[in-house]
Amino acid sequence: MIALVTGANRGIGHEVSRQLLGLGWTVLVTARSGRAAAEAAARLGAGAHPLRLDVTSAADAEAAAGVLRERFGGLDVLVNNAAITYDTWQRAADADLDVVREAMETNLYGPWRLVQAVLPLLRASGRPRVVNVSSEGGSLAGMTGGTPAYSVSKAALNALTRMLAGELGADGVLVNSVCPGWVATDMGGPGGRPVAEGAAGIVWAATLPDDGPTGGFFRDGHALPW
């Protein structure tokens, strides 16, 4: 099995890569910096392959698809993990929309762009999966205020999950959103649960059986309200 994990040089993406490697998978470990990707892959060891990938770049997305096709022969699982801007300092009523726009470029358009680039490879896989790493902060059911750029971008990512699941079901592509919960990472800060616990739910979605759920929103394998 071949997986590509965005934002895999640290935090949740790095741990997801480690867990997939532990299952015997080949994992493309991506980061915006080639050096960061190479260092992360070296830490992870055998089966990990570095790839520089800025998800905001259409050229990078197409180049990644080319590497997957030419060097690895395909792709089975895409984990859209890269995300920015947990904007605790903002409120929607007076948010800096440039900050919101930048967050959307990475958190929504990045996964969307990458799915489009690798979709022919996923359709050719015998077991294709897309996992969009989301957040309960993007749940409309519980949304009130605060972190507008992050929350709105994750709500939009959840909407994309639903659309892709509906459109790609006939191709056997399972598409789900996963909230890892509050995890002790650079973005989450201290006090969260261990990274391995948050990553496990993402790996669960990446390894679903063919009759597994699609178009869902989960944490630790349990459904969350939209």
C-alpha atoms as a PDB file:
ATOM      1  CA  MET A   1       0.000   0.000   0.000  1.00  0.00           C
ATOM      2  CA  ILE A   2       1.188   3.478  -0.886  1.00  0.00           C
ATOM      3  CA  ALA A   3       0.149   6.559   1.074  1.00  0.00           C
ATOM      4  CA  LEU A   4       0.886  10.253   0.735  1.00  0.00           C
ATOM      5  CA  VAL A   5       0.662  12.330   3.923  1.00  0.00           C
ATOM      6  CA  THR A   6       0.764  16.114   3.728  1.00  0.00           C
ATOM      7  CA  GLY A   7       2.402  18.123   6.491  1.00  0.00           C
ATOM      8  CA  ALA A   8       4.246  14.999   7.607  1.00  0.00           C
ATOM      9  CA  ASN A   9       7.437  16.568   8.894  1.00  0.00           C
ATOM     10  CA  ARG A  10       6.069  16.974  12.425  1.00  0.00           C
ATOM     11  CA  GLY A  11       3.099  16.494  14.717  1.00  0.00           C
ATOM     12  CA  ILE A  12       0.110  14.432  13.666  1.00  0.00           C
ATOM     13  CA  GLY A  13       1.258  13.959  10.071  1.00  0.00           C
ATOM     14  CA  HIS A  14       4.593  12.575  11.225  1.00  0.00           C
ATOM     15  CA  GLU A  15       2.920  10.164  13.636  1.00  0.00           C
ATOM     16  CA  VAL A  16       0.383   9.025  11.032  1.00  0.00           C
ATOM     17  CA  SER A  17       3.311   8.265   8.735  1.00  0.00           C
ATOM     18  CA  ARG A  18       5.057   6.312  11.499  1.00  0.00           C
ATOM     19  CA  GLN A  19       1.963   4.220  12.183  1.00  0.00           C
ATOM     20  CA  LEU A  20       1.378   3.465   8.496  1.00  0.00           C
ATOM     21  CA  LEU A  21       5.011   2.454   8.102  1.00  0.00           C
ATOM     22  CA  GLY A  22       4.500   0.114  11.044  1.00  0.00           C
ATOM     23  CA  LEU A  23       1.841  -1.634   8.969  1.00  0.00           C
ATOM     24  CA  GLY A  24       4.380  -2.222   6.220  1.00  0.00           C
ATOM     25  CA  TRP A  25       3.201   0.567   3.938  1.00  0.00           C
ATOM     26  CA  THR A  26       5.234   2.818   1.680  1.00  0.00           C
ATOM     27  CA  VAL A  27       4.702   6.435   2.744  1.00  0.00           C
ATOM     28  CA  LEU A  28       5.514   9.643   0.914  1.00  0.00           C
ATOM     29  CA  VAL A  29       6.412  12.075   3.672  1.00  0.00           C
ATOM     30  CA  THR A  30       5.723  15.582   2.452  1.00  0.00           C
ATOM     31  CA  ALA A  31       6.530  19.063   3.692  1.00  0.00           C
ATOM     32  CA  ARG A  32       6.743  22.537   2.183  1.00  0.00           C
ATOM     33  CA  SER A  33      10.521  22.368   2.564  1.00  0.00           C
ATOM     34  CA  GLY A  34      12.482  19.657   0.805  1.00  0.00           C
ATOM     35  CA  ARG A  35      14.960  19.625   3.667  1.00  0.00           C
ATOM     36  CA  ALA A  36      12.204  19.202   6.260  1.00  0.00           C
ATOM     37  CA  ALA A  37      10.713  16.336   4.249  1.00  0.00           C
ATOM     38  CA  ALA A  38      14.106  14.638   3.931  1.00  0.00           C
ATOM     39  CA  GLU A  39      14.870  14.974   7.642  1.00  0.00           C
ATOM     40  CA  ALA A  40      11.439  13.616   8.568  1.00  0.00           C
ATOM     41  CA  ALA A  41      11.791  10.645   6.237  1.00  0.00           C
ATOM     42  CA  ALA A  42      15.236   9.901   7.669  1.00  0.00           C
ATOM     43  CA  ARG A  43      13.798   9.866  11.189  1.00  0.00           C
ATOM     44  CA  LEU A  44      11.032   7.491  10.114  1.00  0.00           C
ATOM     45  CA  GLY A  45      13.362   5.061   8.354  1.00  0.00           C
ATOM     46  CA  ALA A  46      12.703   2.317   5.828  1.00  0.00           C
ATOM     47  CA  GLY A  47       9.654   2.780   3.645  1.00  0.00           C
ATOM     48  CA  ALA A  48       9.500   6.550   4.118  1.00  0.00           C
ATOM     49  CA  HIS A  49      10.206   8.683   1.054  1.00  0.00           C
ATOM     50  CA  PRO A  50      10.569  12.471   1.212  1.00  0.00           C
ATOM     51  CA  LEU A  51       8.710  14.758  -1.162  1.00  0.00           C
ATOM     52  CA  ARG A  52       8.618  18.536  -1.179  1.00  0.00           C
ATOM     53  CA  LEU A  53       4.997  19.585  -1.522  1.00  0.00           C
ATOM     54  CA  ASP A  54       3.367  22.949  -0.929  1.00  0.00           C
ATOM     55  CA  VAL A  55      -0.357  22.201  -1.070  1.00  0.00           C
ATOM     56  CA  THR A  56      -1.097  25.782  -2.121  1.00  0.00           C
ATOM     57  CA  SER A  57       0.797  25.188  -5.380  1.00  0.00           C
ATOM     58  CA  ALA A  58      -0.993  23.612  -8.343  1.00  0.00           C
ATOM     59  CA  ALA A  59       2.408  22.876  -9.897  1.00  0.00           C
ATOM     60  CA  ASP A  60       3.528  21.028  -6.752  1.00  0.00           C
ATOM     61  CA  ALA A  61       0.323  18.982  -6.696  1.00  0.00           C
ATOM     62  CA  GLU A  62       0.786  17.934 -10.319  1.00  0.00           C
ATOM     63  CA  ALA A  63       4.456  17.173  -9.704  1.00  0.00           C
ATOM     64  CA  ALA A  64       3.524  14.963  -6.740  1.00  0.00           C
ATOM     65  CA  ALA A  65       1.068  13.065  -8.922  1.00  0.00           C
ATOM     66  CA  GLY A  66       3.844  12.566 -11.464  1.00  0.00           C
ATOM     67  CA  VAL A  67       6.241  11.207  -8.848  1.00  0.00           C
ATOM     68  CA  LEU A  68       3.592   8.812  -7.567  1.00  0.00           C
ATOM     69  CA  ARG A  69       2.841   7.573 -11.060  1.00  0.00           C
ATOM     70  CA  GLU A  70       6.395   7.289 -12.350  1.00  0.00           C
ATOM     71  CA  ARG A  71       8.354   6.201  -9.270  1.00  0.00           C
ATOM     72  CA  PHE A  72       5.784   4.337  -7.191  1.00  0.00           C
ATOM     73  CA  GLY A  73       3.260   3.132  -9.739  1.00  0.00           C
ATOM     74  CA  GLY A  74       0.205   4.626  -8.067  1.00  0.00           C
ATOM     75  CA  LEU A  75      -1.441   5.783  -4.863  1.00  0.00           C
ATOM     76  CA  ASP A  76      -3.818   4.037  -2.469  1.00  0.00           C
ATOM     77  CA  VAL A  77      -4.357   6.536   0.345  1.00  0.00           C
ATOM     78  CA  LEU A  78      -4.215  10.325   0.499  1.00  0.00           C
ATOM     79  CA  VAL A  79      -4.084  11.882   3.969  1.00  0.00           C
ATOM     80  CA  ASN A  80      -4.786  15.617   3.769  1.00  0.00           C
ATOM     81  CA  ASN A  81      -3.231  16.682   7.055  1.00  0.00           C
ATOM     82  CA  ALA A  82      -1.463  19.988   6.333  1.00  0.00           C
ATOM     83  CA  ALA A  83      -3.209  22.945   7.966  1.00  0.00           C
ATOM     84  CA  ILE A  84      -2.415  26.433   9.256  1.00  0.00           C
ATOM     85  CA  THR A  85      -3.812  29.332  11.295  1.00  0.00           C
ATOM     86  CA  TYR A  86      -5.448  28.355  14.557  1.00  0.00           C
ATOM     87  CA  ASP A  87      -6.488  31.981  14.984  1.00  0.00           C
ATOM     88  CA  THR A  88      -7.493  32.210  18.641  1.00  0.00           C
ATOM     89  CA  TRP A  89      -6.893  35.964  18.560  1.00  0.00           C
ATOM     90  CA  GLN A  90      -9.690  36.642  16.055  1.00  0.00           C
ATOM     91  CA  ARG A  91     -13.481  36.923  16.051  1.00  0.00           C
ATOM     92  CA  ALA A  92     -15.630  36.658  12.934  1.00  0.00           C
ATOM     93  CA  ALA A  93     -17.164  40.088  13.424  1.00  0.00           C
ATOM     94  CA  ASP A  94     -13.882  41.877  12.824  1.00  0.00           C
ATOM     95  CA  ALA A  95     -11.589  39.157  11.438  1.00  0.00           C
ATOM     96  CA  ASP A  96      -8.742  39.998   9.097  1.00  0.00           C
ATOM     97  CA  LEU A  97     -10.065  38.456   5.896  1.00  0.00           C
ATOM     98  CA  ASP A  98      -6.572  38.189   4.460  1.00  0.00           C
ATOM     99  CA  VAL A  99      -5.805  35.763   7.289  1.00  0.00           C
ATOM    100  CA  VAL A 100      -9.012  33.867   6.535  1.00  0.00           C
ATOM    101  CA  ARG A 101      -8.180  33.730   2.829  1.00  0.00           C
ATOM    102  CA  GLU A 102      -4.698  32.375   3.551  1.00  0.00           C
ATOM    103  CA  ALA A 103      -6.129  29.664   5.823  1.00  0.00           C
ATOM    104  CA  MET A 104      -8.634  28.631   3.173  1.00  0.00           C
ATOM    105  CA  GLU A 105      -5.865  28.312   0.604  1.00  0.00           C
ATOM    106  CA  THR A 106      -4.084  25.681   2.691  1.00  0.00           C
ATOM    107  CA  ASN A 107      -6.895  24.082   4.685  1.00  0.00           C
ATOM    108  CA  LEU A 108      -9.539  23.796   1.942  1.00  0.00           C
ATOM    109  CA  TYR A 109      -8.112  24.471  -1.497  1.00  0.00           C
ATOM    110  CA  GLY A 110      -4.946  22.506  -0.714  1.00  0.00           C
ATOM    111  CA  PRO A 111      -6.755  19.199  -0.117  1.00  0.00           C
ATOM    112  CA  TRP A 112      -9.159  19.923  -2.969  1.00  0.00           C
ATOM    113  CA  ARG A 113      -6.307  20.667  -5.368  1.00  0.00           C
ATOM    114  CA  LEU A 114      -4.410  17.538  -4.348  1.00  0.00           C
ATOM    115  CA  VAL A 115      -7.423  15.235  -4.680  1.00  0.00           C
ATOM    116  CA  GLN A 116      -7.967  16.520  -8.212  1.00  0.00           C
ATOM    117  CA  ALA A 117      -4.307  15.944  -9.087  1.00  0.00           C
ATOM    118  CA  VAL A 118      -4.123  12.351  -7.802  1.00  0.00           C
ATOM    119  CA  LEU A 119      -7.659  11.230  -8.591  1.00  0.00           C
ATOM    120  CA  PRO A 120      -6.693   9.123 -11.633  1.00  0.00           C
ATOM    121  CA  LEU A 121      -4.259   7.227  -9.409  1.00  0.00           C
ATOM    122  CA  LEU A 122      -6.846   6.687  -6.690  1.00  0.00           C
ATOM    123  CA  ARG A 123      -9.393   5.443  -9.220  1.00  0.00           C
ATOM    124  CA  ALA A 124      -6.817   2.904 -10.435  1.00  0.00           C
ATOM    125  CA  SER A 125      -6.138   1.634  -6.904  1.00  0.00           C
ATOM    126  CA  GLY A 126      -7.736  -1.519  -5.610  1.00  0.00           C
ATOM    127  CA  ARG A 127      -8.351   0.095  -2.217  1.00  0.00           C
ATOM    128  CA  PRO A 128      -8.519   3.900  -2.484  1.00  0.00           C
ATOM    129  CA  ARG A 129      -9.058   6.089   0.563  1.00  0.00           C
ATOM    130  CA  VAL A 130      -9.011   9.849   1.202  1.00  0.00           C
ATOM    131  CA  VAL A 131      -8.744  11.084   4.784  1.00  0.00           C
ATOM    132  CA  ASN A 132      -9.296  14.784   5.391  1.00  0.00           C
ATOM    133  CA  VAL A 133      -7.899  15.762   8.779  1.00  0.00           C
ATOM    134  CA  SER A 134     -10.535  18.096  10.150  1.00  0.00           C
ATOM    135  CA  SER A 135     -11.534  19.411  13.580  1.00  0.00           C
ATOM    136  CA  GLU A 136     -14.580  19.454  15.801  1.00  0.00           C
ATOM    137  CA  GLY A 137     -14.077  23.214  15.601  1.00  0.00           C
ATOM    138  CA  GLY A 138     -15.538  22.891  12.114  1.00  0.00           C
ATOM    139  CA  SER A 139     -18.742  21.240  13.381  1.00  0.00           C
ATOM    140  CA  LEU A 140     -21.739  23.480  12.701  1.00  0.00           C
ATOM    141  CA  ALA A 141     -23.616  21.716  15.492  1.00  0.00           C
ATOM    142  CA  GLY A 142     -21.306  23.118  18.151  1.00  0.00           C
ATOM    143  CA  MET A 143     -19.973  26.238  16.486  1.00  0.00           C
ATOM    144  CA  THR A 144     -20.442  29.549  18.302  1.00  0.00           C
ATOM    145  CA  GLY A 145     -17.556  31.931  17.805  1.00  0.00           C
ATOM    146  CA  GLY A 146     -13.793  32.269  17.791  1.00  0.00           C
ATOM    147  CA  THR A 147     -10.996  30.967  15.560  1.00  0.00           C
ATOM    148  CA  PRO A 148     -12.973  32.029  12.469  1.00  0.00           C
ATOM    149  CA  ALA A 149     -10.349  31.290   9.809  1.00  0.00           C
ATOM    150  CA  TYR A 150      -9.632  27.831  11.170  1.00  0.00           C
ATOM    151  CA  SER A 151     -13.216  26.866  11.990  1.00  0.00           C
ATOM    152  CA  VAL A 152     -14.729  28.054   8.709  1.00  0.00           C
ATOM    153  CA  SER A 153     -11.974  26.361   6.694  1.00  0.00           C
ATOM    154  CA  LYS A 154     -12.565  23.054   8.507  1.00  0.00           C
ATOM    155  CA  ALA A 155     -16.342  23.314   8.070  1.00  0.00           C
ATOM    156  CA  ALA A 156     -15.727  23.820   4.358  1.00  0.00           C
ATOM    157  CA  LEU A 157     -13.357  20.845   4.315  1.00  0.00           C
ATOM    158  CA  ASN A 158     -16.126  18.742   5.838  1.00  0.00           C
ATOM    159  CA  ALA A 159     -18.452  19.885   3.054  1.00  0.00           C
ATOM    160  CA  LEU A 160     -15.831  18.851   0.502  1.00  0.00           C
ATOM    161  CA  THR A 161     -15.635  15.442   2.166  1.00  0.00           C
ATOM    162  CA  ARG A 162     -19.370  14.963   1.713  1.00  0.00           C
ATOM    163  CA  MET A 163     -19.268  16.023  -1.941  1.00  0.00           C
ATOM    164  CA  LEU A 164     -16.306  13.842  -2.845  1.00  0.00           C
ATOM    165  CA  ALA A 165     -17.768  10.846  -1.041  1.00  0.00           C
ATOM    166  CA  GLY A 166     -20.984  11.210  -3.006  1.00  0.00           C
ATOM    167  CA  GLU A 167     -19.214  11.620  -6.323  1.00  0.00           C
ATOM    168  CA  LEU A 168     -16.535   8.962  -5.897  1.00  0.00           C
ATOM    169  CA  GLY A 169     -18.540   6.201  -4.244  1.00  0.00           C
ATOM    170  CA  ALA A 170     -19.070   4.451  -7.565  1.00  0.00           C
ATOM    171  CA  ASP A 171     -15.276   4.296  -7.969  1.00  0.00           C
ATOM    172  CA  GLY A 172     -14.856   2.637  -4.579  1.00  0.00           C
ATOM    173  CA  VAL A 173     -13.067   5.660  -3.091  1.00  0.00           C
ATOM    174  CA  LEU A 174     -13.930   6.058   0.606  1.00  0.00           C
ATOM    175  CA  VAL A 175     -13.663   9.697   1.707  1.00  0.00           C
ATOM    176  CA  ASN A 176     -13.954  10.719   5.355  1.00  0.00           C
ATOM    177  CA  SER A 177     -13.159  13.591   7.682  1.00  0.00           C
ATOM    178  CA  VAL A 178     -11.374  12.799  10.939  1.00  0.00           C
ATOM    179  CA  CYS A 179     -10.933  14.995  13.990  1.00  0.00           C
ATOM    180  CA  PRO A 180      -7.861  13.897  15.951  1.00  0.00           C
ATOM    181  CA  GLY A 181      -9.068  15.802  19.015  1.00  0.00           C
ATOM    182  CA  TRP A 182      -6.985  18.222  21.053  1.00  0.00           C
ATOM    183  CA  VAL A 183      -3.494  16.879  20.583  1.00  0.00           C
ATOM    184  CA  ALA A 184      -0.235  18.131  22.061  1.00  0.00           C
ATOM    185  CA  THR A 185       1.388  19.472  18.878  1.00  0.00           C
ATOM    186  CA  ASP A 186       2.925  22.783  17.822  1.00  0.00           C
ATOM    187  CA  MET A 187      -0.550  23.930  16.722  1.00  0.00           C
ATOM    188  CA  GLY A 188      -2.519  22.396  19.576  1.00  0.00           C
ATOM    189  CA  GLY A 189      -0.104  23.452  22.289  1.00  0.00           C
ATOM    190  CA  PRO A 190       0.637  21.685  25.581  1.00  0.00           C
ATOM    191  CA  GLY A 191      -2.059  19.903  27.542  1.00  0.00           C
ATOM    192  CA  GLY A 192      -3.562  17.862  24.712  1.00  0.00           C
ATOM    193  CA  ARG A 193      -3.598  14.097  24.514  1.00  0.00           C
ATOM    194  CA  PRO A 194      -0.640  12.149  23.098  1.00  0.00           C
ATOM    195  CA  VAL A 195      -0.037  12.542  19.382  1.00  0.00           C
ATOM    196  CA  ALA A 196      -0.215   8.776  18.874  1.00  0.00           C
ATOM    197  CA  GLU A 197      -3.811   8.712  20.123  1.00  0.00           C
ATOM    198  CA  GLY A 198      -4.907  11.467  17.773  1.00  0.00           C
ATOM    199  CA  ALA A 199      -3.142   9.870  14.823  1.00  0.00           C
ATOM    200  CA  ALA A 200      -4.736   6.464  15.452  1.00  0.00           C
ATOM    201  CA  GLY A 201      -8.166   7.674  14.306  1.00  0.00           C
ATOM    202  CA  ILE A 202      -6.683   8.907  11.052  1.00  0.00           C
ATOM    203  CA  VAL A 203      -4.958   5.580  10.466  1.00  0.00           C
ATOM    204  CA  TRP A 204      -8.289   3.860  11.183  1.00  0.00           C
ATOM    205  CA  ALA A 205      -9.903   5.827   8.345  1.00  0.00           C
ATOM    206  CA  ALA A 206      -6.941   5.146   6.053  1.00  0.00           C
ATOM    207  CA  THR A 207      -7.243   1.398   6.612  1.00  0.00           C
ATOM    208  CA  LEU A 208     -11.024   0.976   6.413  1.00  0.00           C
ATOM    209  CA  PRO A 209     -12.313  -2.191   4.752  1.00  0.00           C
ATOM    210  CA  ASP A 210     -14.124  -1.904   1.442  1.00  0.00           C
ATOM    211  CA  ASP A 211     -17.495  -1.926   3.196  1.00  0.00           C
ATOM    212  CA  GLY A 212     -16.421   0.803   5.613  1.00  0.00           C
ATOM    213  CA  PRO A 213     -18.150   4.164   5.953  1.00  0.00           C
ATOM    214  CA  THR A 214     -17.722   7.033   3.523  1.00  0.00           C
ATOM    215  CA  GLY A 215     -18.801  10.652   3.734  1.00  0.00           C
ATOM    216  CA  GLY A 216     -18.536  10.617   7.540  1.00  0.00           C
ATOM    217  CA  PHE A 217     -17.003  12.774  10.259  1.00  0.00           C
ATOM    218  CA  PHE A 218     -15.240  10.798  12.986  1.00  0.00           C
ATOM    219  CA  ARG A 219     -13.039  10.936  16.048  1.00  0.00           C
ATOM    220  CA  ASP A 220     -11.505   7.718  17.351  1.00  0.00           C
ATOM    221  CA  GLY A 221     -13.734   5.785  14.944  1.00  0.00           C
ATOM    222  CA  HIS A 222     -16.937   7.290  16.371  1.00  0.00           C
ATOM    223  CA  ALA A 223     -19.221   9.634  14.418  1.00  0.00           C
ATOM    224  CA  LEU A 224     -19.267  13.336  15.239  1.00  0.00           C
ATOM    225  CA  PRO A 225     -22.150  15.731  14.501  1.00  0.00           C
ATOM    226  CA  TRP A 226     -21.690  17.877  11.425  1.00  0.00           C
END
